[in-house]
All heavy atoms as atom14 arrays in JSON, in Angstrom:
{
  "sequence": "NPSLATLGVDLQIAQDVAGADLVHSHTWYANAAGHLAG",
  "atom14_mask": [
    [1, 1, 1, 1, 1, 1, 1, 1, 0, 0, 0, 0, 0, 0],
    [1, 1, 1, 1, 1, 1, 1, 0, 0, 0, 0, 0, 0, 0],
    [1, 1, 1, 1, 1, 1, 0, 0, 0, 0, 0, 0, 0, 0],
    [1, 1, 1, 1, 1, 1, 1, 1, 0, 0, 0, 0, 0, 0],
    [1, 1, 1, 1, 1, 0, 0, 0, 0, 0, 0, 0, 0, 0],
    [1, 1, 1, 1, 1, 1, 1, 0, 0, 0, 0, 0, 0, 0],
    [1, 1, 1, 1, 1, 1, 1, 1, 0, 0, 0, 0, 0, 0],
    [1, 1, 1, 1, 0, 0, 0, 0, 0, 0, 0, 0, 0, 0],
    [1, 1, 1, 1, 1, 1, 1, 0, 0, 0, 0, 0, 0, 0],
    [1, 1, 1, 1, 1, 1, 1, 1, 0, 0, 0, 0, 0, 0],
    [1, 1, 1, 1, 1, 1, 1, 1, 0, 0, 0, 0, 0, 0],
    [1, 1, 1, 1, 1, 1, 1, 1, 1, 0, 0, 0, 0, 0],
    [1, 1, 1, 1, 1, 1, 1, 1, 0, 0, 0, 0, 0, 0],
    [1, 1, 1, 1, 1, 0, 0, 0, 0, 0, 0, 0, 0, 0],
    [1, 1, 1, 1, 1, 1, 1, 1, 1, 0, 0, 0, 0, 0],
    [1, 1, 1, 1, 1, 1, 1, 1, 0, 0, 0, 0, 0, 0],
    [1, 1, 1, 1, 1, 1, 1, 0, 0, 0, 0, 0, 0, 0],
    [1, 1, 1, 1, 1, 0, 0, 0, 0, 0, 0, 0, 0, 0],
    [1, 1, 1, 1, 0, 0, 0, 0, 0, 0, 0, 0, 0, 0],
    [1, 1, 1, 1, 1, 0, 0, 0, 0, 0, 0, 0, 0, 0],
    [1, 1, 1, 1, 1, 1, 1, 1, 0, 0, 0, 0, 0, 0],
    [1, 1, 1, 1, 1, 1, 1, 1, 0, 0, 0, 0, 0, 0],
    [1, 1, 1, 1, 1, 1, 1, 0, 0, 0, 0, 0, 0, 0],
    [1, 1, 1, 1, 1, 1, 1, 1, 1, 1, 0, 0, 0, 0],
    [1, 1, 1, 1, 1, 1, 0, 0, 0, 0, 0, 0, 0, 0],
    [1, 1, 1, 1, 1, 1, 1, 1, 1, 1, 0, 0, 0, 0],
    [1, 1, 1, 1, 1, 1, 1, 0, 0, 0, 0, 0, 0, 0],
    [1, 1, 1, 1, 1, 1, 1, 1, 1, 1, 1, 1, 1, 1],
    [1, 1, 1, 1, 1, 1, 1, 1, 1, 1, 1, 1, 0, 0],
    [1, 1, 1, 1, 1, 0, 0, 0, 0, 0, 0, 0, 0, 0],
    [1, 1, 1, 1, 1, 1, 1, 1, 0, 0, 0, 0, 0, 0],
    [1, 1, 1, 1, 1, 0, 0, 0, 0, 0, 0, 0, 0, 0],
    [1, 1, 1, 1, 1, 0, 0, 0, 0, 0, 0, 0, 0, 0],
    [1, 1, 1, 1, 0, 0, 0, 0, 0, 0, 0, 0, 0, 0],
    [1, 1, 1, 1, 1, 1, 1, 1, 1, 1, 0, 0, 0, 0],
    [1, 1, 1, 1, 1, 1, 1, 1, 0, 0, 0, 0, 0, 0],
    [1, 1, 1, 1, 1, 0, 0, 0, 0, 0, 0, 0, 0, 0],
    [1, 1, 1, 1, 0, 0, 0, 0, 0, 0, 0, 0, 0, 0]
  ],
  "atom14_positions": [
    [[172.78, 145.03, 102.51], [171.98, 144.35, 103.54], [171.78, 145.36, 104.69], [172.66, 146.13, 105.06], [172.83, 143.14, 104.06], [172.06, 142.35, 105.09], [172.04, 142.73, 106.29], [171.46, 141.25, 104.68], [0.0, 0.0, 0.0], [0.0, 0.0, 0.0], [0.0, 0.0, 0.0], [0.0, 0.0, 0.0], [0.0, 0.0, 0.0], [0.0, 0.0, 0.0]],
    [[170.56, 145.32, 105.3], [170.27, 146.32, 106.35], [171.26, 146.35, 107.48], [171.48, 147.37, 108.1], [168.9, 145.87, 106.82], [168.28, 145.19, 105.65], [169.41, 144.52, 104.92], [0.0, 0.0, 0.0], [0.0, 0.0, 0.0], [0.0, 0.0, 0.0], [0.0, 0.0, 0.0], [0.0, 0.0, 0.0], [0.0, 0.0, 0.0], [0.0, 0.0, 0.0]],
    [[171.87, 145.21, 107.79], [172.88, 145.2, 108.9], [174.11, 145.99, 108.51], [174.66, 146.71, 109.37], [173.23, 143.76, 109.23], [173.95, 143.17, 108.13], [0.0, 0.0, 0.0], [0.0, 0.0, 0.0], [0.0, 0.0, 0.0], [0.0, 0.0, 0.0], [0.0, 0.0, 0.0], [0.0, 0.0, 0.0], [0.0, 0.0, 0.0], [0.0, 0.0, 0.0]],
    [[174.52, 145.96, 107.26], [175.66, 146.75, 106.82], [175.28, 148.21, 106.69], [176.1, 149.11, 107.03], [176.17, 146.21, 105.49], [176.67, 144.76, 105.5], [177.19, 144.35, 104.12], [177.73, 144.52, 106.56], [0.0, 0.0, 0.0], [0.0, 0.0, 0.0], [0.0, 0.0, 0.0], [0.0, 0.0, 0.0], [0.0, 0.0, 0.0], [0.0, 0.0, 0.0]],
    [[174.07, 148.53, 106.26], [173.64, 149.87, 106.24], [173.59, 150.5, 107.64], [174.01, 151.68, 107.82], [172.22, 149.99, 105.61], [0.0, 0.0, 0.0], [0.0, 0.0, 0.0], [0.0, 0.0, 0.0], [0.0, 0.0, 0.0], [0.0, 0.0, 0.0], [0.0, 0.0, 0.0], [0.0, 0.0, 0.0], [0.0, 0.0, 0.0], [0.0, 0.0, 0.0]],
    [[173.23, 149.69, 108.59], [173.22, 150.12, 109.96], [174.61, 150.44, 110.44], [174.84, 151.5, 111.09], [172.57, 149.03, 110.87], [171.21, 148.85, 110.5], [172.67, 149.37, 112.34], [0.0, 0.0, 0.0], [0.0, 0.0, 0.0], [0.0, 0.0, 0.0], [0.0, 0.0, 0.0], [0.0, 0.0, 0.0], [0.0, 0.0, 0.0], [0.0, 0.0, 0.0]],
    [[175.57, 149.59, 110.12], [176.94, 149.88, 110.49], [177.47, 151.17, 109.89], [178.24, 151.86, 110.5], [177.83, 148.7, 110.12], [177.77, 147.47, 111.06], [178.54, 146.31, 110.38], [178.4, 147.85, 112.39], [0.0, 0.0, 0.0], [0.0, 0.0, 0.0], [0.0, 0.0, 0.0], [0.0, 0.0, 0.0], [0.0, 0.0, 0.0], [0.0, 0.0, 0.0]],
    [[177.0, 151.44, 108.64], [177.38, 152.66, 107.99], [176.96, 153.93, 108.81], [177.72, 154.92, 108.85], [0.0, 0.0, 0.0], [0.0, 0.0, 0.0], [0.0, 0.0, 0.0], [0.0, 0.0, 0.0], [0.0, 0.0, 0.0], [0.0, 0.0, 0.0], [0.0, 0.0, 0.0], [0.0, 0.0, 0.0], [0.0, 0.0, 0.0], [0.0, 0.0, 0.0]],
    [[175.76, 153.85, 109.33], [175.28, 154.95, 110.21], [176.07, 154.97, 111.53], [176.51, 156.04, 112.02], [173.77, 154.8, 110.51], [173.3, 155.88, 111.44], [172.97, 154.86, 109.18], [0.0, 0.0, 0.0], [0.0, 0.0, 0.0], [0.0, 0.0, 0.0], [0.0, 0.0, 0.0], [0.0, 0.0, 0.0], [0.0, 0.0, 0.0], [0.0, 0.0, 0.0]],
    [[176.29, 153.8, 112.12], [176.94, 153.7, 113.4], [178.35, 154.28, 113.37], [178.81, 154.92, 114.32], [176.98, 152.26, 113.88], [175.66, 151.73, 114.38], [174.74, 152.56, 114.58], [175.54, 150.51, 114.61], [0.0, 0.0, 0.0], [0.0, 0.0, 0.0], [0.0, 0.0, 0.0], [0.0, 0.0, 0.0], [0.0, 0.0, 0.0], [0.0, 0.0, 0.0]],
    [[179.1, 154.07, 112.28], [180.44, 154.6, 112.17], [180.45, 156.1, 112.22], [181.3, 156.74, 112.85], [181.11, 154.08, 110.9], [181.45, 152.57, 110.94], [181.89, 152.18, 109.51], [182.5, 152.23, 111.92], [0.0, 0.0, 0.0], [0.0, 0.0, 0.0], [0.0, 0.0, 0.0], [0.0, 0.0, 0.0], [0.0, 0.0, 0.0], [0.0, 0.0, 0.0]],
    [[179.45, 156.7, 111.55], [179.4, 158.2, 111.57], [179.13, 158.69, 113.01], [179.75, 159.67, 113.44], [178.27, 158.68, 110.65], [178.45, 158.31, 109.21], [177.21, 158.61, 108.38], [176.91, 159.82, 108.18], [176.45, 157.61, 107.98], [0.0, 0.0, 0.0], [0.0, 0.0, 0.0], [0.0, 0.0, 0.0], [0.0, 0.0, 0.0], [0.0, 0.0, 0.0]],
    [[178.2, 158.01, 113.65], [177.82, 158.44, 115.02], [179.05, 158.28, 115.96], [179.31, 159.18, 116.78], [176.62, 157.63, 115.51], [175.4, 157.98, 114.71], [176.38, 157.9, 116.99], [174.15, 157.14, 115.02], [0.0, 0.0, 0.0], [0.0, 0.0, 0.0], [0.0, 0.0, 0.0], [0.0, 0.0, 0.0], [0.0, 0.0, 0.0], [0.0, 0.0, 0.0]],
    [[179.74, 157.17, 115.87], [180.85, 156.91, 116.81], [181.88, 158.03, 116.76], [182.4, 158.46, 117.76], [181.48, 155.55, 116.47], [0.0, 0.0, 0.0], [0.0, 0.0, 0.0], [0.0, 0.0, 0.0], [0.0, 0.0, 0.0], [0.0, 0.0, 0.0], [0.0, 0.0, 0.0], [0.0, 0.0, 0.0], [0.0, 0.0, 0.0], [0.0, 0.0, 0.0]],
    [[182.16, 158.5, 115.56], [183.12, 159.57, 115.41], [182.64, 160.84, 116.13], [183.4, 161.53, 116.82], [183.34, 159.91, 113.92], [184.17, 161.09, 113.65], [185.63, 160.9, 114.0], [186.11, 159.8, 114.01], [186.3, 162.02, 114.34], [0.0, 0.0, 0.0], [0.0, 0.0, 0.0], [0.0, 0.0, 0.0], [0.0, 0.0, 0.0], [0.0, 0.0, 0.0]],
    [[181.36, 161.14, 116.02], [180.81, 162.43, 116.52], [180.58, 162.41, 118.07], [180.3, 163.49, 118.61], [179.53, 162.78, 115.81], [179.74, 163.2, 114.4], [180.91, 163.35, 114.0], [178.73, 163.4, 113.7], [0.0, 0.0, 0.0], [0.0, 0.0, 0.0], [0.0, 0.0, 0.0], [0.0, 0.0, 0.0], [0.0, 0.0, 0.0], [0.0, 0.0, 0.0]],
    [[180.71, 161.29, 118.72], [180.52, 161.22, 120.15], [181.64, 161.9, 120.92], [181.57, 162.15, 122.14], [180.3, 159.78, 120.63], [180.3, 159.61, 122.1], [178.98, 159.2, 120.04], [0.0, 0.0, 0.0], [0.0, 0.0, 0.0], [0.0, 0.0, 0.0], [0.0, 0.0, 0.0], [0.0, 0.0, 0.0], [0.0, 0.0, 0.0], [0.0, 0.0, 0.0]],
    [[182.69, 162.24, 120.23], [183.84, 162.95, 120.87], [183.38, 164.07, 121.79], [182.56, 164.91, 121.35], [184.75, 163.49, 119.8], [0.0, 0.0, 0.0], [0.0, 0.0, 0.0], [0.0, 0.0, 0.0], [0.0, 0.0, 0.0], [0.0, 0.0, 0.0], [0.0, 0.0, 0.0], [0.0, 0.0, 0.0], [0.0, 0.0, 0.0], [0.0, 0.0, 0.0]],
    [[183.88, 164.08, 123.02], [183.53, 165.1, 123.97], [182.52, 164.7, 125.02], [182.33, 165.38, 126.01], [0.0, 0.0, 0.0], [0.0, 0.0, 0.0], [0.0, 0.0, 0.0], [0.0, 0.0, 0.0], [0.0, 0.0, 0.0], [0.0, 0.0, 0.0], [0.0, 0.0, 0.0], [0.0, 0.0, 0.0], [0.0, 0.0, 0.0], [0.0, 0.0, 0.0]],
    [[181.88, 163.55, 124.76], [180.89, 163.03, 125.74], [181.63, 162.38, 126.94], [182.78, 161.88, 126.79], [179.97, 162.05, 125.12], [0.0, 0.0, 0.0], [0.0, 0.0, 0.0], [0.0, 0.0, 0.0], [0.0, 0.0, 0.0], [0.0, 0.0, 0.0], [0.0, 0.0, 0.0], [0.0, 0.0, 0.0], [0.0, 0.0, 0.0], [0.0, 0.0, 0.0]],
    [[180.99, 162.32, 128.09], [181.55, 161.63, 129.23], [181.07, 160.17, 129.32], [181.7, 159.33, 129.96], [181.07, 162.32, 130.53], [181.63, 163.74, 130.58], [182.81, 163.96, 130.68], [180.72, 164.67, 130.54], [0.0, 0.0, 0.0], [0.0, 0.0, 0.0], [0.0, 0.0, 0.0], [0.0, 0.0, 0.0], [0.0, 0.0, 0.0], [0.0, 0.0, 0.0]],
    [[180.0, 159.87, 128.62], [179.39, 158.53, 128.62], [178.52, 158.4, 127.39], [177.9, 159.37, 126.94], [178.6, 158.32, 129.9], [177.94, 157.01, 130.16], [177.94, 156.64, 131.66], [176.5, 156.95, 129.65], [0.0, 0.0, 0.0], [0.0, 0.0, 0.0], [0.0, 0.0, 0.0], [0.0, 0.0, 0.0], [0.0, 0.0, 0.0], [0.0, 0.0, 0.0]],
    [[178.46, 157.17, 126.83], [177.6, 156.92, 125.72], [176.59, 155.81, 126.06], [176.98, 154.82, 126.74], [178.4, 156.59, 124.43], [179.22, 155.31, 124.61], [177.52, 156.51, 123.2], [0.0, 0.0, 0.0], [0.0, 0.0, 0.0], [0.0, 0.0, 0.0], [0.0, 0.0, 0.0], [0.0, 0.0, 0.0], [0.0, 0.0, 0.0], [0.0, 0.0, 0.0]],
    [[175.37, 155.95, 125.65], [174.29, 155.04, 126.03], [173.52, 154.62, 124.76], [172.9, 155.48, 124.12], [173.36, 155.74, 127.02], [172.28, 154.85, 127.58], [171.43, 155.25, 128.6], [171.92, 153.54, 127.28], [170.6, 154.29, 128.92], [170.87, 153.25, 128.11], [0.0, 0.0, 0.0], [0.0, 0.0, 0.0], [0.0, 0.0, 0.0], [0.0, 0.0, 0.0]],
    [[173.61, 153.38, 124.38], [172.94, 152.92, 123.15], [171.73, 152.04, 123.43], [171.65, 151.34, 124.46], [173.94, 152.16, 122.24], [174.3, 150.91, 122.85], [0.0, 0.0, 0.0], [0.0, 0.0, 0.0], [0.0, 0.0, 0.0], [0.0, 0.0, 0.0], [0.0, 0.0, 0.0], [0.0, 0.0, 0.0], [0.0, 0.0, 0.0], [0.0, 0.0, 0.0]],
    [[170.79, 152.06, 122.52], [169.53, 151.35, 122.65], [169.31, 150.5, 121.39], [169.2, 151.02, 120.26], [168.36, 152.28, 122.82], [168.42, 153.08, 124.11], [167.65, 152.79, 125.2], [169.22, 154.09, 124.49], [167.92, 153.6, 126.18], [168.88, 154.42, 125.77], [0.0, 0.0, 0.0], [0.0, 0.0, 0.0], [0.0, 0.0, 0.0], [0.0, 0.0, 0.0]],
    [[169.18, 149.22, 121.55], [168.93, 148.2, 120.54], [170.18, 147.96, 119.7], [171.09, 148.78, 119.65], [167.73, 148.49, 119.59], [168.13, 149.47, 118.59], [166.52, 148.96, 120.37], [0.0, 0.0, 0.0], [0.0, 0.0, 0.0], [0.0, 0.0, 0.0], [0.0, 0.0, 0.0], [0.0, 0.0, 0.0], [0.0, 0.0, 0.0], [0.0, 0.0, 0.0]],
    [[170.23, 146.82, 119.03], [171.43, 146.41, 118.27], [171.73, 147.42, 117.18], [172.91, 147.57, 116.83], [171.27, 144.99, 117.67], [170.44, 144.96, 116.4], [169.1, 144.68, 116.31], [170.93, 145.18, 115.05], [168.74, 144.75, 114.98], [169.82, 145.04, 114.2], [172.16, 145.46, 114.48], [169.89, 145.17, 112.81], [172.24, 145.65, 113.12], [171.1, 145.49, 112.27]],
    [[170.74, 148.09, 116.68], [170.97, 149.08, 115.62], [172.01, 150.15, 116.09], [172.78, 150.65, 115.27], [169.7, 149.79, 115.26], [168.67, 148.92, 114.51], [167.6, 148.34, 115.24], [168.78, 148.66, 113.18], [166.69, 147.54, 114.58], [167.84, 147.87, 112.52], [166.84, 147.32, 113.2], [165.92, 146.49, 112.58], [0.0, 0.0, 0.0], [0.0, 0.0, 0.0]],
    [[171.95, 150.52, 117.36], [172.85, 151.54, 117.88], [174.04, 150.99, 118.68], [174.94, 151.72, 119.0], [172.07, 152.46, 118.77], [0.0, 0.0, 0.0], [0.0, 0.0, 0.0], [0.0, 0.0, 0.0], [0.0, 0.0, 0.0], [0.0, 0.0, 0.0], [0.0, 0.0, 0.0], [0.0, 0.0, 0.0], [0.0, 0.0, 0.0], [0.0, 0.0, 0.0]],
    [[174.02, 149.65, 118.94], [175.02, 149.1, 119.82], [176.48, 149.21, 119.26], [177.41, 149.46, 120.03], [174.76, 147.63, 120.08], [173.61, 147.36, 121.05], [173.1, 146.24, 121.1], [173.19, 148.36, 121.79], [0.0, 0.0, 0.0], [0.0, 0.0, 0.0], [0.0, 0.0, 0.0], [0.0, 0.0, 0.0], [0.0, 0.0, 0.0], [0.0, 0.0, 0.0]],
    [[176.61, 149.07, 117.98], [177.96, 149.21, 117.38], [178.48, 150.63, 117.54], [179.65, 150.81, 117.82], [177.98, 148.78, 115.89], [0.0, 0.0, 0.0], [0.0, 0.0, 0.0], [0.0, 0.0, 0.0], [0.0, 0.0, 0.0], [0.0, 0.0, 0.0], [0.0, 0.0, 0.0], [0.0, 0.0, 0.0], [0.0, 0.0, 0.0], [0.0, 0.0, 0.0]],
    [[177.61, 151.59, 117.33], [178.01, 153.01, 117.52], [178.47, 153.21, 118.95], [179.49, 153.86, 119.21], [176.84, 153.94, 117.17], [0.0, 0.0, 0.0], [0.0, 0.0, 0.0], [0.0, 0.0, 0.0], [0.0, 0.0, 0.0], [0.0, 0.0, 0.0], [0.0, 0.0, 0.0], [0.0, 0.0, 0.0], [0.0, 0.0, 0.0], [0.0, 0.0, 0.0]],
    [[177.71, 152.74, 119.92], [178.08, 152.9, 121.33], [179.38, 152.2, 121.66], [180.26, 152.77, 122.34], [0.0, 0.0, 0.0], [0.0, 0.0, 0.0], [0.0, 0.0, 0.0], [0.0, 0.0, 0.0], [0.0, 0.0, 0.0], [0.0, 0.0, 0.0], [0.0, 0.0, 0.0], [0.0, 0.0, 0.0], [0.0, 0.0, 0.0], [0.0, 0.0, 0.0]],
    [[179.54, 150.93, 121.2], [180.69, 150.19, 121.55], [181.98, 150.8, 120.93], [183.0, 151.0, 121.63], [180.57, 148.76, 120.98], [181.71, 147.84, 121.21], [182.04, 147.4, 122.49], [182.64, 147.33, 120.36], [183.16, 146.66, 122.39], [183.49, 146.59, 121.11], [0.0, 0.0, 0.0], [0.0, 0.0, 0.0], [0.0, 0.0, 0.0], [0.0, 0.0, 0.0]],
    [[181.89, 151.22, 119.65], [183.06, 151.81, 118.97], [183.33, 153.2, 119.59], [184.5, 153.55, 119.72], [182.78, 151.93, 117.5], [182.73, 150.61, 116.73], [182.23, 150.78, 115.32], [184.09, 149.94, 116.75], [0.0, 0.0, 0.0], [0.0, 0.0, 0.0], [0.0, 0.0, 0.0], [0.0, 0.0, 0.0], [0.0, 0.0, 0.0], [0.0, 0.0, 0.0]],
    [[182.33, 153.95, 119.96], [182.52, 155.28, 120.55], [183.25, 155.1, 121.89], [184.13, 155.9, 122.25], [181.19, 156.02, 120.75], [0.0, 0.0, 0.0], [0.0, 0.0, 0.0], [0.0, 0.0, 0.0], [0.0, 0.0, 0.0], [0.0, 0.0, 0.0], [0.0, 0.0, 0.0], [0.0, 0.0, 0.0], [0.0, 0.0, 0.0], [0.0, 0.0, 0.0]],
    [[182.82, 154.1, 122.66], [183.48, 153.86, 123.94], [184.97, 153.55, 123.73], [185.8, 154.07, 124.51], [0.0, 0.0, 0.0], [0.0, 0.0, 0.0], [0.0, 0.0, 0.0], [0.0, 0.0, 0.0], [0.0, 0.0, 0.0], [0.0, 0.0, 0.0], [0.0, 0.0, 0.0], [0.0, 0.0, 0.0], [0.0, 0.0, 0.0], [0.0, 0.0, 0.0]]
  ]
}
């Protein structure tokens, strides 16, 4: 399902945000990545 595929991308992104001072996500497609990275 596209929602689960989106989460699969978001998990990869959340890991790689390491080192940022702030994370900013746009639309629900990216919201999980931003929330988890935070």
